[in-house]
C-alpha atoms as a PDB file:
ATOM      1  CA  MET A   1      -2.166 -11.370  78.929  1.00  0.00           C
ATOM      2  CA  VAL A   2      -1.408 -13.609  75.957  1.00  0.00           C
ATOM      3  CA  ARG A   3      -0.088 -12.035  72.768  1.00  0.00           C
ATOM      4  CA  ALA A   4       0.052 -13.733  69.403  1.00  0.00           C
ATOM      5  CA  ILE A   5       0.524 -13.065  65.724  1.00  0.00           C
ATOM      6  CA  ILE A   6      -1.699 -14.692  63.135  1.00  0.00           C
ATOM      7  CA  LEU A   7      -0.557 -14.745  59.523  1.00  0.00           C
ATOM      8  CA  VAL A   8      -3.435 -14.785  57.030  1.00  0.00           C
ATOM      9  CA  LYS A   9      -3.499 -16.005  53.433  1.00  0.00           C
ATOM     10  CA  SER A  10      -6.502 -14.562  51.618  1.00  0.00           C
ATOM     11  CA  ARG A  11      -7.758 -13.991  48.097  1.00  0.00           C
ATOM     12  CA  LYS A  12      -9.177 -10.638  49.235  1.00  0.00           C
ATOM     13  CA  LYS A  13      -6.570  -7.904  49.287  1.00  0.00           C
ATOM     14  CA  LEU A  14      -8.470  -5.683  51.733  1.00  0.00           C
ATOM     15  CA  ILE A  15      -8.624  -8.364  54.409  1.00  0.00           C
ATOM     16  CA  ALA A  16      -6.484  -6.391  56.923  1.00  0.00           C
ATOM     17  CA  ALA A  17      -9.178  -3.723  57.400  1.00  0.00           C
ATOM     18  CA  ARG A  18     -11.815  -6.380  58.011  1.00  0.00           C
ATOM     19  CA  LEU A  19      -9.607  -8.180  60.516  1.00  0.00           C
ATOM     20  CA  ARG A  20      -9.242  -5.016  62.636  1.00  0.00           C
ATOM     21  CA  LYS A  21     -12.971  -5.195  63.416  1.00  0.00           C
ATOM     22  CA  ILE A  22     -12.568  -8.427  65.410  1.00  0.00           C
ATOM     23  CA  LYS A  23     -12.464  -8.011  69.180  1.00  0.00           C
ATOM     24  CA  SER A  24      -9.006  -8.775  70.645  1.00  0.00           C
ATOM     25  CA  VAL A  25      -7.237  -7.651  67.452  1.00  0.00           C
ATOM     26  CA  SER A  26      -4.812  -4.908  68.474  1.00  0.00           C
ATOM     27  CA  ASP A  27      -3.507  -4.314  64.944  1.00  0.00           C
ATOM     28  CA  SER A  28      -3.654  -5.725  61.443  1.00  0.00           C
ATOM     29  CA  PHE A  29      -1.826  -4.749  58.293  1.00  0.00           C
ATOM     30  CA  PRO A  30      -1.354  -6.039  54.742  1.00  0.00           C
ATOM     31  CA  THR A  31       1.928  -7.670  53.781  1.00  0.00           C
ATOM     32  CA  SER A  32       3.674  -8.919  50.684  1.00  0.00           C
ATOM     33  CA  GLY A  33       5.018 -12.426  50.366  1.00  0.00           C
ATOM     34  CA  GLN A  34       3.536 -15.779  51.304  1.00  0.00           C
ATOM     35  CA  PHE A  35       0.845 -14.247  53.551  1.00  0.00           C
ATOM     36  CA  ASP A  36      -1.448 -11.317  52.789  1.00  0.00           C
ATOM     37  CA  ALA A  37      -1.994  -9.906  56.291  1.00  0.00           C
ATOM     38  CA  VAL A  38      -0.554  -9.955  59.791  1.00  0.00           C
ATOM     39  CA  VAL A  39      -2.893  -9.809  62.781  1.00  0.00           C
ATOM     40  CA  MET A  40      -1.707  -8.852  66.267  1.00  0.00           C
ATOM     41  CA  ILE A  41      -3.855 -10.456  68.987  1.00  0.00           C
ATOM     42  CA  GLU A  42      -4.110  -9.778  72.719  1.00  0.00           C
ATOM     43  CA  VAL A  43      -6.337 -12.007  74.878  1.00  0.00           C
ATOM     44  CA  ASP A  44      -6.644 -12.647  78.613  1.00  0.00           C
ATOM     45  CA  GLU A  45      -6.277 -16.424  78.355  1.00  0.00           C
ATOM     46  CA  LEU A  46      -4.716 -18.808  75.870  1.00  0.00           C
ATOM     47  CA  SER A  47      -8.063 -20.564  75.377  1.00  0.00           C
ATOM     48  CA  HIS A  48      -9.532 -17.317  73.972  1.00  0.00           C
ATOM     49  CA  LEU A  49      -6.906 -17.288  71.223  1.00  0.00           C
ATOM     50  CA  LYS A  50      -8.552 -20.333  69.652  1.00  0.00           C
ATOM     51  CA  ASP A  51     -11.845 -18.430  69.417  1.00  0.00           C
ATOM     52  CA  VAL A  52     -10.219 -15.450  67.708  1.00  0.00           C
ATOM     53  CA  ALA A  53      -8.382 -17.700  65.254  1.00  0.00           C
ATOM     54  CA  TYR A  54     -11.677 -19.424  64.412  1.00  0.00           C
ATOM     55  CA  GLN A  55     -13.355 -16.058  63.763  1.00  0.00           C
ATOM     56  CA  ILE A  56     -10.575 -15.166  61.341  1.00  0.00           C
ATOM     57  CA  GLN A  57     -10.736 -18.538  59.577  1.00  0.00           C
ATOM     58  CA  THR A  58     -14.481 -18.163  58.946  1.00  0.00           C
ATOM     59  CA  ILE A  59     -14.121 -14.840  57.104  1.00  0.00           C
ATOM     60  CA  GLY A  60     -14.937 -15.280  53.426  1.00  0.00           C
ATOM     61  CA  GLY A  61     -11.816 -15.462  51.283  1.00  0.00           C
ATOM     62  CA  VAL A  62      -9.456 -16.611  54.052  1.00  0.00           C
ATOM     63  CA  GLU A  63      -7.577 -19.612  52.695  1.00  0.00           C
ATOM     64  CA  ARG A  64      -5.357 -20.436  55.679  1.00  0.00           C
ATOM     65  CA  THR A  65      -3.798 -19.032  58.819  1.00  0.00           C
ATOM     66  CA  GLU A  66      -0.693 -19.639  60.868  1.00  0.00           C
ATOM     67  CA  THR A  67      -0.569 -18.684  64.548  1.00  0.00           C
ATOM     68  CA  MET A  68       2.521 -17.787  66.556  1.00  0.00           C
ATOM     69  CA  VAL A  69       2.132 -17.303  70.311  1.00  0.00           C
ATOM     70  CA  GLU A  70       4.560 -15.103  72.234  1.00  0.00           C
ATOM     71  CA  VAL A  71       6.720 -17.160  74.609  1.00  0.00           C
ATOM     72  CA  GLN A  72       7.760 -15.498  77.857  1.00  0.00           C
END
């Protein structure tokens, strides 16, 4: 199991609710500061993380993302 956090910068303030609909997203919540939402991801393989990140980046209003993978 690979766990990661993706930080999302978006013009849309309700982006966290939309992000929760993506498969492999275990949680998502709005934040204040440089990023507008945090997305918690759980995938079986590291290669699947790229697919989830791409799905997030193609959502309308998403300006940029930053991914942090858990190191064990």
